[in-house]
Amino acid sequence: MVPSSPEIVTTGGLRVDYLITRDGYANNGIMGGNALYSAVGASLWSDAVGIWSRIGENYPRQWLAQMHKTGIDTRGIVRTAGNQEHRTFYAYTPDGSRQDTNPEIHYARINEPLPDGLAGYVNSTPAQDQLGESDPLSVEAQDWPEHYGNVSAIHLAPMPIRCHLDLPEFLRQRGVSFISLDPGERYMIPTLVDSIAEVVSKIDCFLPSIQEIRSLFGKQITFEKAALLFHDWGVPTVIIKRGRQGVLSSEKKSGQIIRFKPFQRTRHDSVIDVTGAGDAFCGGFLSGWMKTGNSSMAINYGLVSSSIVIEGYGASHALTRQEEARERLAQILSRKKKDAS
């Protein structure tokens, strides 16, 4: 049963994903998007998770029904007029990089025809680096659902920088006490450093990736130094997502910097698709924070959420694996206790 108001909300995009894996397998037209992946990561730990997002008339209605059936509050999803651009393309190349443009080249590389659904595709992140613009699927204050009156924590997934500048103040006015934010990859550039500093000053937890750190500061900066700079800009907690190496956490108040390894299963074939892993981590972290009030403990929740999402294609396979998530968290805590003894 969906509660009267969610406690945790994730906001960002709901997408139709087209993926090419590192080993050359194409998976086309699957349910994705950073708002959904982060909601899934949170819902592995909480029954009071909602999504705040915009969709076009062409977004599959059966996907909304699937989210609702598993307990995610979809009443914050606003359907806008007309068909909108929901497509996202990612190609994971043999060298380990990820490309999100020129799908024709990548499908040709694996000897597959370009899917009809990708005809005319350019990229999935319009206006991310434009201070005066947003895209038709970016939420605004006017979209906030009135029945979301008991929201305590919200995660802002990657969106245009204008949204990340405008939304935190509005959310504070609505009683949201904890705001985490994952920056848009295209706006983490030196020319926007002043605006990024303003974004960082308005939130409680900043969750950039290593690629975004290097894009903003260059390849020579250490992650520890980058975290200290973000603290100087005003954010209490910084968590840098490091892919296969886990995460680095830095707390302004204590000055403590900790590295966390990813959760790893014993099976070597458990990693199927890493799309959405970072978003799922963010959602899991937010749920963990709300349960424990401790960032180190909350990171363990995020690592488990991420580990589950990467074991299949799309977000839907992870929607009902709460019991498995609790088992994995218990494994992490048991290992830590054993290491400390």
C-alpha atoms as a PDB file:
ATOM      1  CA  MET A   1       0.000   0.000   0.000  1.00  0.00           C
ATOM      2  CA  VAL A   2       1.333   3.442  -0.945  1.00  0.00           C
ATOM      3  CA  PRO A   3       1.500   5.717   2.156  1.00  0.00           C
ATOM      4  CA  SER A   4      -0.352   9.036   2.258  1.00  0.00           C
ATOM      5  CA  SER A   5       2.946  10.864   1.749  1.00  0.00           C
ATOM      6  CA  PRO A   6       6.394   9.457   1.048  1.00  0.00           C
ATOM      7  CA  GLU A   7       9.197  10.204   3.475  1.00  0.00           C
ATOM      8  CA  ILE A   8      11.897   9.994   0.814  1.00  0.00           C
ATOM      9  CA  VAL A   9      11.656  11.385  -2.727  1.00  0.00           C
ATOM     10  CA  THR A  10      13.985  11.119  -5.696  1.00  0.00           C
ATOM     11  CA  THR A  11      13.813  13.528  -8.587  1.00  0.00           C
ATOM     12  CA  GLY A  12      15.325  13.525 -12.058  1.00  0.00           C
ATOM     13  CA  GLY A  13      14.612  11.683 -15.296  1.00  0.00           C
ATOM     14  CA  LEU A  14      12.504   8.694 -16.259  1.00  0.00           C
ATOM     15  CA  ARG A  15      14.002   7.267 -19.399  1.00  0.00           C
ATOM     16  CA  VAL A  16      13.784   4.610 -22.087  1.00  0.00           C
ATOM     17  CA  ASP A  17      17.280   3.148 -22.210  1.00  0.00           C
ATOM     18  CA  TYR A  18      19.199   1.714 -25.145  1.00  0.00           C
ATOM     19  CA  LEU A  19      22.390   0.005 -23.996  1.00  0.00           C
ATOM     20  CA  ILE A  20      25.382  -1.707 -25.518  1.00  0.00           C
ATOM     21  CA  THR A  21      27.376  -3.676 -22.986  1.00  0.00           C
ATOM     22  CA  ARG A  22      31.143  -3.891 -22.871  1.00  0.00           C
ATOM     23  CA  ASP A  23      31.012  -7.374 -24.409  1.00  0.00           C
ATOM     24  CA  GLY A  24      28.874  -6.159 -27.329  1.00  0.00           C
ATOM     25  CA  TYR A  25      25.340  -7.086 -26.290  1.00  0.00           C
ATOM     26  CA  ALA A  26      22.513  -4.647 -27.177  1.00  0.00           C
ATOM     27  CA  ASN A  27      19.539  -4.228 -24.857  1.00  0.00           C
ATOM     28  CA  ASN A  28      16.995  -1.858 -26.328  1.00  0.00           C
ATOM     29  CA  GLY A  29      14.005   0.018 -24.948  1.00  0.00           C
ATOM     30  CA  ILE A  30      14.242  -0.854 -21.251  1.00  0.00           C
ATOM     31  CA  MET A  31      12.965   1.037 -18.214  1.00  0.00           C
ATOM     32  CA  GLY A  32      15.563   3.386 -16.754  1.00  0.00           C
ATOM     33  CA  GLY A  33      16.386   6.936 -15.736  1.00  0.00           C
ATOM     34  CA  ASN A  34      18.259   8.424 -12.775  1.00  0.00           C
ATOM     35  CA  ALA A  35      15.076   9.210 -10.816  1.00  0.00           C
ATOM     36  CA  LEU A  36      13.955   5.600 -11.103  1.00  0.00           C
ATOM     37  CA  TYR A  37      17.316   4.006 -10.330  1.00  0.00           C
ATOM     38  CA  SER A  38      17.732   6.178  -7.238  1.00  0.00           C
ATOM     39  CA  ALA A  39      14.145   5.432  -6.168  1.00  0.00           C
ATOM     40  CA  VAL A  40      14.814   1.712  -6.572  1.00  0.00           C
ATOM     41  CA  GLY A  41      17.968   2.044  -4.479  1.00  0.00           C
ATOM     42  CA  ALA A  42      15.968   3.781  -1.748  1.00  0.00           C
ATOM     43  CA  SER A  43      12.973   1.433  -1.926  1.00  0.00           C
ATOM     44  CA  LEU A  44      15.147  -1.579  -1.100  1.00  0.00           C
ATOM     45  CA  TRP A  45      15.152  -0.144   2.434  1.00  0.00           C
ATOM     46  CA  SER A  46      11.997   1.927   2.741  1.00  0.00           C
ATOM     47  CA  ASP A  47       8.283   1.530   1.978  1.00  0.00           C
ATOM     48  CA  ALA A  48       7.798   5.303   1.808  1.00  0.00           C
ATOM     49  CA  VAL A  49       9.608   6.336  -1.397  1.00  0.00           C
ATOM     50  CA  GLY A  50       8.202   8.607  -4.080  1.00  0.00           C
ATOM     51  CA  ILE A  51       9.367   9.939  -7.438  1.00  0.00           C
ATOM     52  CA  TRP A  52       9.082  13.569  -8.516  1.00  0.00           C
ATOM     53  CA  SER A  53       9.536  13.847 -12.268  1.00  0.00           C
ATOM     54  CA  ARG A  54       8.028  14.875 -15.587  1.00  0.00           C
ATOM     55  CA  ILE A  55       7.101  12.569 -18.436  1.00  0.00           C
ATOM     56  CA  GLY A  56       5.586  13.025 -21.872  1.00  0.00           C
ATOM     57  CA  GLU A  57       2.455  11.433 -23.242  1.00  0.00           C
ATOM     58  CA  ASN A  58       4.637   8.796 -24.890  1.00  0.00           C
ATOM     59  CA  TYR A  59       6.076   7.410 -21.639  1.00  0.00           C
ATOM     60  CA  PRO A  60       4.843   3.803 -21.214  1.00  0.00           C
ATOM     61  CA  ARG A  61       1.889   3.702 -18.821  1.00  0.00           C
ATOM     62  CA  GLN A  62       2.611   0.078 -17.912  1.00  0.00           C
ATOM     63  CA  TRP A  63       5.917   1.150 -16.396  1.00  0.00           C
ATOM     64  CA  LEU A  64       4.132   3.557 -14.046  1.00  0.00           C
ATOM     65  CA  ALA A  65       1.811   0.746 -13.045  1.00  0.00           C
ATOM     66  CA  GLN A  66       4.801  -1.490 -12.366  1.00  0.00           C
ATOM     67  CA  MET A  67       6.409   1.113 -10.096  1.00  0.00           C
ATOM     68  CA  HIS A  68       3.147   1.664  -8.235  1.00  0.00           C
ATOM     69  CA  LYS A  69       2.608  -2.065  -7.776  1.00  0.00           C
ATOM     70  CA  THR A  70       5.910  -2.398  -5.954  1.00  0.00           C
ATOM     71  CA  GLY A  71       5.091   0.467  -3.579  1.00  0.00           C
ATOM     72  CA  ILE A  72       6.813   3.480  -5.153  1.00  0.00           C
ATOM     73  CA  ASP A  73       4.597   6.562  -4.953  1.00  0.00           C
ATOM     74  CA  THR A  74       4.156   7.735  -8.558  1.00  0.00           C
ATOM     75  CA  ARG A  75       1.728  10.577  -7.814  1.00  0.00           C
ATOM     76  CA  GLY A  76       4.583  13.059  -8.095  1.00  0.00           C
ATOM     77  CA  ILE A  77       5.134  12.142 -11.747  1.00  0.00           C
ATOM     78  CA  VAL A  78       3.666  14.882 -13.919  1.00  0.00           C
ATOM     79  CA  ARG A  79       2.608  14.003 -17.467  1.00  0.00           C
ATOM     80  CA  THR A  80       3.265  16.950 -19.783  1.00  0.00           C
ATOM     81  CA  ALA A  81       1.543  17.563 -23.091  1.00  0.00           C
ATOM     82  CA  GLY A  82       2.886  15.973 -26.269  1.00  0.00           C
ATOM     83  CA  ASN A  83       5.543  13.366 -26.930  1.00  0.00           C
ATOM     84  CA  GLN A  84       8.845  14.086 -25.202  1.00  0.00           C
ATOM     85  CA  GLU A  85      12.418  12.872 -25.572  1.00  0.00           C
ATOM     86  CA  HIS A  86      12.807  10.029 -23.078  1.00  0.00           C
ATOM     87  CA  ARG A  87      15.542   8.124 -24.882  1.00  0.00           C
ATOM     88  CA  THR A  88      18.966   7.519 -23.377  1.00  0.00           C
ATOM     89  CA  PHE A  89      21.786   5.745 -25.194  1.00  0.00           C
ATOM     90  CA  TYR A  90      24.900   4.319 -23.554  1.00  0.00           C
ATOM     91  CA  ALA A  91      27.662   2.237 -25.085  1.00  0.00           C
ATOM     92  CA  TYR A  92      30.235   0.633 -22.815  1.00  0.00           C
ATOM     93  CA  THR A  93      33.346   0.168 -24.903  1.00  0.00           C
ATOM     94  CA  PRO A  94      36.001  -2.567 -24.579  1.00  0.00           C
ATOM     95  CA  ASP A  95      38.429  -0.084 -22.993  1.00  0.00           C
ATOM     96  CA  GLY A  96      35.977   0.538 -20.133  1.00  0.00           C
ATOM     97  CA  SER A  97      34.748   3.995 -21.142  1.00  0.00           C
ATOM     98  CA  ARG A  98      31.105   4.951 -21.610  1.00  0.00           C
ATOM     99  CA  GLN A  99      29.844   6.869 -24.641  1.00  0.00           C
ATOM    100  CA  ASP A 100      26.410   8.472 -24.899  1.00  0.00           C
ATOM    101  CA  THR A 101      26.397   9.931 -28.413  1.00  0.00           C
ATOM    102  CA  ASN A 102      26.640   8.657 -32.010  1.00  0.00           C
ATOM    103  CA  PRO A 103      24.735   5.398 -31.503  1.00  0.00           C
ATOM    104  CA  GLU A 104      25.041   4.565 -35.208  1.00  0.00           C
ATOM    105  CA  ILE A 105      28.789   4.018 -34.822  1.00  0.00           C
ATOM    106  CA  HIS A 106      28.422   1.739 -31.811  1.00  0.00           C
ATOM    107  CA  TYR A 107      25.667  -0.433 -33.255  1.00  0.00           C
ATOM    108  CA  ALA A 108      27.746  -0.815 -36.409  1.00  0.00           C
ATOM    109  CA  ARG A 109      30.692  -1.837 -34.233  1.00  0.00           C
ATOM    110  CA  ILE A 110      28.721  -4.816 -32.910  1.00  0.00           C
ATOM    111  CA  ASN A 111      27.189  -5.573 -36.341  1.00  0.00           C
ATOM    112  CA  GLU A 112      23.673  -4.629 -35.234  1.00  0.00           C
ATOM    113  CA  PRO A 113      21.250  -2.284 -37.038  1.00  0.00           C
ATOM    114  CA  LEU A 114      20.362   0.978 -35.375  1.00  0.00           C
ATOM    115  CA  PRO A 115      17.052   0.415 -33.532  1.00  0.00           C
ATOM    116  CA  ASP A 116      14.112   2.305 -34.998  1.00  0.00           C
ATOM    117  CA  GLY A 117      13.583   3.851 -31.589  1.00  0.00           C
ATOM    118  CA  LEU A 118      16.933   5.672 -31.800  1.00  0.00           C
ATOM    119  CA  ALA A 119      16.350   7.397 -35.125  1.00  0.00           C
ATOM    120  CA  GLY A 120      17.367  11.054 -34.810  1.00  0.00           C
ATOM    121  CA  TYR A 121      18.857  10.643 -31.338  1.00  0.00           C
ATOM    122  CA  VAL A 122      21.425  13.275 -30.260  1.00  0.00           C
ATOM    123  CA  ASN A 123      21.945  12.989 -26.476  1.00  0.00           C
ATOM    124  CA  SER A 124      19.901  12.632 -23.312  1.00  0.00           C
ATOM    125  CA  THR A 125      21.127  15.661 -21.357  1.00  0.00           C
ATOM    126  CA  PRO A 126      20.000  18.853 -23.111  1.00  0.00           C
ATOM    127  CA  ALA A 127      20.624  22.181 -21.361  1.00  0.00           C
ATOM    128  CA  GLN A 128      22.485  20.673 -18.392  1.00  0.00           C
ATOM    129  CA  ASP A 129      25.167  23.341 -18.605  1.00  0.00           C
ATOM    130  CA  GLN A 130      22.885  26.265 -19.497  1.00  0.00           C
ATOM    131  CA  LEU A 131      22.206  28.604 -16.579  1.00  0.00           C
ATOM    132  CA  GLY A 132      19.101  30.132 -18.124  1.00  0.00           C
ATOM    133  CA  GLU A 133      17.530  26.995 -19.550  1.00  0.00           C
ATOM    134  CA  SER A 134      15.968  23.696 -18.638  1.00  0.00           C
ATOM    135  CA  ASP A 135      14.421  20.980 -20.742  1.00  0.00           C
ATOM    136  CA  PRO A 136      10.717  20.092 -20.944  1.00  0.00           C
ATOM    137  CA  LEU A 137      11.199  17.142 -18.605  1.00  0.00           C
ATOM    138  CA  SER A 138      12.895  19.070 -15.779  1.00  0.00           C
ATOM    139  CA  VAL A 139      10.702  19.574 -12.739  1.00  0.00           C
ATOM    140  CA  GLU A 140      10.003  23.016 -11.363  1.00  0.00           C
ATOM    141  CA  ALA A 141       8.573  24.234  -8.062  1.00  0.00           C
ATOM    142  CA  GLN A 142       5.089  24.398  -9.554  1.00  0.00           C
ATOM    143  CA  ASP A 143       5.199  20.620 -10.105  1.00  0.00           C
ATOM    144  CA  TRP A 144       5.556  19.771  -6.401  1.00  0.00           C
ATOM    145  CA  PRO A 145       2.647  17.541  -5.314  1.00  0.00           C
ATOM    146  CA  GLU A 146       0.650  18.963  -2.420  1.00  0.00           C
ATOM    147  CA  HIS A 147       0.233  15.492  -0.916  1.00  0.00           C
ATOM    148  CA  TYR A 148       4.034  15.251  -0.554  1.00  0.00           C
ATOM    149  CA  GLY A 149       3.675  17.091   2.736  1.00  0.00           C
ATOM    150  CA  ASN A 150       5.725  14.762   4.939  1.00  0.00           C
ATOM    151  CA  VAL A 151       8.854  14.463   2.831  1.00  0.00           C
ATOM    152  CA  SER A 152      11.937  14.609   5.049  1.00  0.00           C
ATOM    153  CA  ALA A 153      14.678  13.803   2.546  1.00  0.00           C
ATOM    154  CA  ILE A 154      15.116  14.207  -1.187  1.00  0.00           C
ATOM    155  CA  HIS A 155      17.759  13.202  -3.685  1.00  0.00           C
ATOM    156  CA  LEU A 156      18.317  15.476  -6.664  1.00  0.00           C
ATOM    157  CA  ALA A 157      19.646  13.309  -9.473  1.00  0.00           C
ATOM    158  CA  PRO A 158      21.487  14.865 -12.455  1.00  0.00           C
ATOM    159  CA  MET A 159      19.442  17.639 -14.099  1.00  0.00           C
ATOM    160  CA  PRO A 160      20.171  21.007 -15.710  1.00  0.00           C
ATOM    161  CA  ILE A 161      22.190  23.220 -13.400  1.00  0.00           C
ATOM    162  CA  ARG A 162      19.374  25.772 -13.262  1.00  0.00           C
ATOM    163  CA  CYS A 163      17.189  23.197 -11.513  1.00  0.00           C
ATOM    164  CA  HIS A 164      19.924  22.388  -9.016  1.00  0.00           C
ATOM    165  CA  LEU A 165      20.323  26.088  -8.271  1.00  0.00           C
ATOM    166  CA  ASP A 166      16.610  26.780  -7.826  1.00  0.00           C
ATOM    167  CA  LEU A 167      15.125  23.706  -6.149  1.00  0.00           C
ATOM    168  CA  PRO A 168      16.956  23.446  -2.771  1.00  0.00           C
ATOM    169  CA  GLU A 169      15.567  26.690  -1.362  1.00  0.00           C
ATOM    170  CA  PHE A 170      12.045  25.730  -2.433  1.00  0.00           C
ATOM    171  CA  LEU A 171      12.420  22.281  -0.864  1.00  0.00           C
ATOM    172  CA  ARG A 172      13.618  23.758   2.442  1.00  0.00           C
ATOM    173  CA  GLN A 173      10.459  25.865   2.478  1.00  0.00           C
ATOM    174  CA  ARG A 174       8.465  22.649   2.108  1.00  0.00           C
ATOM    175  CA  GLY A 175      10.092  21.168   5.204  1.00  0.00           C
ATOM    176  CA  VAL A 176      12.694  18.933   3.555  1.00  0.00           C
ATOM    177  CA  SER A 177      15.486  18.601   6.110  1.00  0.00           C
ATOM    178  CA  PHE A 178      18.055  16.597   4.122  1.00  0.00           C
ATOM    179  CA  ILE A 179      19.021  17.158   0.474  1.00  0.00           C
ATOM    180  CA  SER A 180      21.536  15.027  -1.396  1.00  0.00           C
ATOM    181  CA  LEU A 181      22.622  15.898  -4.923  1.00  0.00           C
ATOM    182  CA  ASP A 182      24.371  14.143  -7.785  1.00  0.00           C
ATOM    183  CA  PRO A 183      25.607  16.770 -10.269  1.00  0.00           C
ATOM    184  CA  GLY A 184      24.925  16.762 -13.991  1.00  0.00           C
ATOM    185  CA  GLU A 185      28.024  15.491 -15.749  1.00  0.00           C
ATOM    186  CA  ARG A 186      27.899  18.136 -18.469  1.00  0.00           C
ATOM    187  CA  TYR A 187      27.897  21.077 -16.070  1.00  0.00           C
ATOM    188  CA  MET A 188      30.894  19.982 -13.999  1.00  0.00           C
ATOM    189  CA  ILE A 189      33.237  22.228 -15.960  1.00  0.00           C
ATOM    190  CA  PRO A 190      35.608  25.052 -14.886  1.00  0.00           C
ATOM    191  CA  THR A 191      33.582  27.831 -16.519  1.00  0.00           C
ATOM    192  CA  LEU A 192      30.658  27.075 -14.193  1.00  0.00           C
ATOM    193  CA  VAL A 193      32.669  26.784 -10.964  1.00  0.00           C
ATOM    194  CA  ASP A 194      30.920  29.737  -9.268  1.00  0.00           C
ATOM    195  CA  SER A 195      27.495  28.277  -9.970  1.00  0.00           C
ATOM    196  CA  ILE A 196      28.620  24.817  -8.831  1.00  0.00           C
ATOM    197  CA  ALA A 197      29.874  26.356  -5.566  1.00  0.00           C
ATOM    198  CA  GLU A 198      26.440  27.931  -5.099  1.00  0.00           C
ATOM    199  CA  VAL A 199      24.720  24.586  -5.693  1.00  0.00           C
ATOM    200  CA  VAL A 200      27.012  22.849  -3.207  1.00  0.00           C
ATOM    201  CA  SER A 201      26.354  25.495  -0.534  1.00  0.00           C
ATOM    202  CA  LYS A 202      22.613  24.701  -0.530  1.00  0.00           C
ATOM    203  CA  ILE A 203      22.692  20.950   0.124  1.00  0.00           C
ATOM    204  CA  ASP A 204      23.650  18.440   2.815  1.00  0.00           C
ATOM    205  CA  CYS A 205      25.455  15.765   0.801  1.00  0.00           C
ATOM    206  CA  PHE A 206      27.275  16.087  -2.537  1.00  0.00           C
ATOM    207  CA  LEU A 207      27.829  12.894  -4.569  1.00  0.00           C
ATOM    208  CA  PRO A 208      30.012  13.506  -7.651  1.00  0.00           C
ATOM    209  CA  SER A 209      31.818  10.803  -9.617  1.00  0.00           C
ATOM    210  CA  ILE A 210      35.542  10.630 -10.238  1.00  0.00           C
ATOM    211  CA  GLN A 211      34.948  11.631 -13.864  1.00  0.00           C
ATOM    212  CA  GLU A 212      33.112  14.768 -12.735  1.00  0.00           C
ATOM    213  CA  ILE A 213      35.887  15.652 -10.276  1.00  0.00           C
ATOM    214  CA  ARG A 214      38.456  15.446 -13.047  1.00  0.00           C
ATOM    215  CA  SER A 215      36.266  17.371 -15.471  1.00  0.00           C
ATOM    216  CA  LEU A 216      35.950  20.231 -12.983  1.00  0.00           C
ATOM    217  CA  PHE A 217      39.409  20.347 -11.407  1.00  0.00           C
ATOM    218  CA  GLY A 218      41.691  18.468 -13.807  1.00  0.00           C
ATOM    219  CA  LYS A 219      43.446  15.121 -13.538  1.00  0.00           C
ATOM    220  CA  GLN A 220      46.111  16.198 -11.041  1.00  0.00           C
ATOM    221  CA  ILE A 221      43.880  16.959  -8.064  1.00  0.00           C
ATOM    222  CA  THR A 222      43.500  14.325  -5.372  1.00  0.00           C
ATOM    223  CA  PHE A 223      40.018  13.266  -4.347  1.00  0.00           C
ATOM    224  CA  GLU A 224      40.809  14.304  -0.765  1.00  0.00           C
ATOM    225  CA  LYS A 225      41.668  17.830  -1.920  1.00  0.00           C
ATOM    226  CA  ALA A 226      38.516  18.006  -4.041  1.00  0.00           C
ATOM    227  CA  ALA A 227      36.397  16.982  -1.057  1.00  0.00           C
ATOM    228  CA  LEU A 228      37.980  19.714   1.073  1.00  0.00           C
ATOM    229  CA  LEU A 229      37.186  22.297  -1.592  1.00  0.00           C
ATOM    230  CA  PHE A 230      33.543  21.225  -1.604  1.00  0.00           C
ATOM    231  CA  HIS A 231      33.510  21.530   2.192  1.00  0.00           C
ATOM    232  CA  ASP A 232      34.893  25.056   1.835  1.00  0.00           C
ATOM    233  CA  TRP A 233      31.918  25.816  -0.399  1.00  0.00           C
ATOM    234  CA  GLY A 234      29.590  24.787   2.414  1.00  0.00           C
ATOM    235  CA  VAL A 235      28.483  21.151   2.091  1.00  0.00           C
ATOM    236  CA  PRO A 236      28.834  19.008   5.248  1.00  0.00           C
ATOM    237  CA  THR A 237      29.215  15.592   3.576  1.00  0.00           C
ATOM    238  CA  VAL A 238      30.995  14.666   0.351  1.00  0.00           C
ATOM    239  CA  ILE A 239      30.855  11.179  -1.145  1.00  0.00           C
ATOM    240  CA  ILE A 240      32.896  10.613  -4.286  1.00  0.00           C
ATOM    241  CA  LYS A 241      31.704   7.645  -6.348  1.00  0.00           C
ATOM    242  CA  ARG A 242      34.711   5.699  -7.638  1.00  0.00           C
ATOM    243  CA  GLY A 243      33.142   2.874  -9.628  1.00  0.00           C
ATOM    244  CA  ARG A 244      34.841  -0.482  -9.076  1.00  0.00           C
ATOM    245  CA  GLN A 245      36.935   1.073  -6.301  1.00  0.00           C
ATOM    246  CA  GLY A 246      33.926   1.934  -4.173  1.00  0.00           C
ATOM    247  CA  VAL A 247      33.465   5.384  -2.652  1.00  0.00           C
ATOM    248  CA  LEU A 248      35.390   7.990  -0.689  1.00  0.00           C
ATOM    249  CA  SER A 249      33.529   9.746   2.127  1.00  0.00           C
ATOM    250  CA  SER A 250      34.542  13.024   3.727  1.00  0.00           C
ATOM    251  CA  GLU A 251      32.883  14.733   6.716  1.00  0.00           C
ATOM    252  CA  LYS A 252      33.483  18.450   7.266  1.00  0.00           C
ATOM    253  CA  LYS A 253      32.634  18.385  10.975  1.00  0.00           C
ATOM    254  CA  SER A 254      34.947  15.540  11.975  1.00  0.00           C
ATOM    255  CA  GLY A 255      37.541  15.941   9.243  1.00  0.00           C
ATOM    256  CA  GLN A 256      37.309  12.199   8.712  1.00  0.00           C
ATOM    257  CA  ILE A 257      37.957  10.737   5.258  1.00  0.00           C
ATOM    258  CA  ILE A 258      37.141   7.057   4.725  1.00  0.00           C
ATOM    259  CA  ARG A 259      37.374   4.769   1.701  1.00  0.00           C
ATOM    260  CA  PHE A 260      34.738   2.067   1.287  1.00  0.00           C
ATOM    261  CA  LYS A 261      35.137  -0.932  -0.970  1.00  0.00           C
ATOM    262  CA  PRO A 262      32.156  -2.014  -3.089  1.00  0.00           C
ATOM    263  CA  PHE A 263      30.053  -4.942  -1.964  1.00  0.00           C
ATOM    264  CA  GLN A 264      31.248  -7.976  -3.897  1.00  0.00           C
ATOM    265  CA  ARG A 265      29.576 -11.344  -4.234  1.00  0.00           C
ATOM    266  CA  THR A 266      31.599 -14.522  -4.538  1.00  0.00           C
ATOM    267  CA  ARG A 267      30.252 -15.204  -8.032  1.00  0.00           C
ATOM    268  CA  HIS A 268      32.375 -13.662 -10.775  1.00  0.00           C
ATOM    269  CA  ASP A 269      29.460 -13.437 -13.226  1.00  0.00           C
ATOM    270  CA  SER A 270      27.186 -11.311 -11.011  1.00  0.00           C
ATOM    271  CA  VAL A 271      27.900  -7.990 -12.797  1.00  0.00           C
ATOM    272  CA  ILE A 272      25.560  -7.744 -15.788  1.00  0.00           C
ATOM    273  CA  ASP A 273      25.088  -4.006 -16.423  1.00  0.00           C
ATOM    274  CA  VAL A 274      26.537  -1.111 -14.413  1.00  0.00           C
ATOM    275  CA  THR A 275      24.020   1.447 -15.713  1.00  0.00           C
ATOM    276  CA  GLY A 276      22.284   3.141 -12.795  1.00  0.00           C
ATOM    277  CA  ALA A 277      24.729   1.845 -10.184  1.00  0.00           C
ATOM    278  CA  GLY A 278      25.652   5.332  -9.000  1.00  0.00           C
ATOM    279  CA  ASP A 279      22.016   6.442  -8.870  1.00  0.00           C
ATOM    280  CA  ALA A 280      21.023   3.332  -6.900  1.00  0.00           C
ATOM    281  CA  PHE A 281      23.868   4.032  -4.482  1.00  0.00           C
ATOM    282  CA  CYS A 282      22.536   7.559  -3.929  1.00  0.00           C
ATOM    283  CA  GLY A 283      19.041   6.279  -3.197  1.00  0.00           C
ATOM    284  CA  GLY A 284      20.286   3.571  -0.877  1.00  0.00           C
ATOM    285  CA  PHE A 285      22.480   6.077   0.945  1.00  0.00           C
ATOM    286  CA  LEU A 286      19.528   8.396   1.464  1.00  0.00           C
ATOM    287  CA  SER A 287      17.402   5.616   2.954  1.00  0.00           C
ATOM    288  CA  GLY A 288      20.312   4.566   5.142  1.00  0.00           C
ATOM    289  CA  TRP A 289      20.793   8.120   6.349  1.00  0.00           C
ATOM    290  CA  MET A 290      17.138   8.410   7.284  1.00  0.00           C
ATOM    291  CA  LYS A 291      17.312   5.115   9.205  1.00  0.00           C
ATOM    292  CA  THR A 292      20.616   5.677  11.006  1.00  0.00           C
ATOM    293  CA  GLY A 293      21.626   9.342  10.847  1.00  0.00           C
ATOM    294  CA  ASN A 294      25.170   8.115  10.254  1.00  0.00           C
ATOM    295  CA  SER A 295      26.835   8.640   6.898  1.00  0.00           C
ATOM    296  CA  SER A 296      29.273   5.715   7.240  1.00  0.00           C
ATOM    297  CA  MET A 297      26.427   3.323   7.982  1.00  0.00           C
ATOM    298  CA  ALA A 298      24.306   4.862   5.224  1.00  0.00           C
ATOM    299  CA  ILE A 299      27.096   4.244   2.717  1.00  0.00           C
ATOM    300  CA  ASN A 300      26.764   0.516   3.393  1.00  0.00           C
ATOM    301  CA  TYR A 301      23.096   0.727   2.434  1.00  0.00           C
ATOM    302  CA  GLY A 302      24.087   2.494  -0.782  1.00  0.00           C
ATOM    303  CA  LEU A 303      26.738  -0.087  -1.642  1.00  0.00           C
ATOM    304  CA  VAL A 304      24.195  -2.882  -1.278  1.00  0.00           C
ATOM    305  CA  SER A 305      21.639  -1.069  -3.450  1.00  0.00           C
ATOM    306  CA  SER A 306      24.266  -0.579  -6.132  1.00  0.00           C
ATOM    307  CA  SER A 307      25.348  -4.228  -5.976  1.00  0.00           C
ATOM    308  CA  ILE A 308      21.798  -5.417  -6.640  1.00  0.00           C
ATOM    309  CA  VAL A 309      21.080  -3.075  -9.537  1.00  0.00           C
ATOM    310  CA  ILE A 310      24.162  -4.145 -11.505  1.00  0.00           C
ATOM    311  CA  GLU A 311      23.004  -7.779 -11.555  1.00  0.00           C
ATOM    312  CA  GLY A 312      20.474  -7.274 -14.348  1.00  0.00           C
ATOM    313  CA  TYR A 313      19.340  -5.007 -17.161  1.00  0.00           C
ATOM    314  CA  GLY A 314      17.238  -1.974 -16.339  1.00  0.00           C
ATOM    315  CA  ALA A 315      15.829  -0.987 -12.975  1.00  0.00           C
ATOM    316  CA  SER A 316      12.808  -3.261 -12.811  1.00  0.00           C
ATOM    317  CA  HIS A 317      14.623  -6.469 -11.775  1.00  0.00           C
ATOM    318  CA  ALA A 318      15.709  -4.865  -8.472  1.00  0.00           C
ATOM    319  CA  LEU A 319      12.310  -3.537  -7.407  1.00  0.00           C
ATOM    320  CA  THR A 320      11.363  -6.465  -5.164  1.00  0.00           C
ATOM    321  CA  ARG A 321      14.651  -7.617  -3.634  1.00  0.00           C
ATOM    322  CA  GLN A 322      14.349  -6.061  -0.156  1.00  0.00           C
ATOM    323  CA  GLU A 323      15.025  -9.307   1.733  1.00  0.00           C
ATOM    324  CA  GLU A 324      18.172  -9.900  -0.286  1.00  0.00           C
ATOM    325  CA  ALA A 325      19.310  -6.341   0.460  1.00  0.00           C
ATOM    326  CA  ARG A 326      18.983  -6.937   4.201  1.00  0.00           C
ATOM    327  CA  GLU A 327      20.996 -10.141   3.897  1.00  0.00           C
ATOM    328  CA  ARG A 328      23.789  -8.341   2.074  1.00  0.00           C
ATOM    329  CA  LEU A 329      23.859  -5.533   4.631  1.00  0.00           C
ATOM    330  CA  ALA A 330      24.196  -8.137   7.363  1.00  0.00           C
ATOM    331  CA  GLN A 331      27.155  -9.630   5.484  1.00  0.00           C
ATOM    332  CA  ILE A 332      28.880  -6.242   5.296  1.00  0.00           C
ATOM    333  CA  LEU A 333      28.379  -5.557   8.994  1.00  0.00           C
ATOM    334  CA  SER A 334      29.557  -9.044   9.902  1.00  0.00           C
ATOM    335  CA  ARG A 335      32.717  -8.601   7.862  1.00  0.00           C
ATOM    336  CA  LYS A 336      33.418  -5.227   9.475  1.00  0.00           C
ATOM    337  CA  LYS A 337      32.908  -6.679  12.930  1.00  0.00           C
ATOM    338  CA  LYS A 338      35.252  -9.550  12.113  1.00  0.00           C
ATOM    339  CA  ASP A 339      37.892  -7.160  10.729  1.00  0.00           C
ATOM    340  CA  ALA A 340      37.681  -5.010  13.850  1.00  0.00           C
ATOM    341  CA  SER A 341      38.157  -7.956  16.245  1.00  0.00           C
END
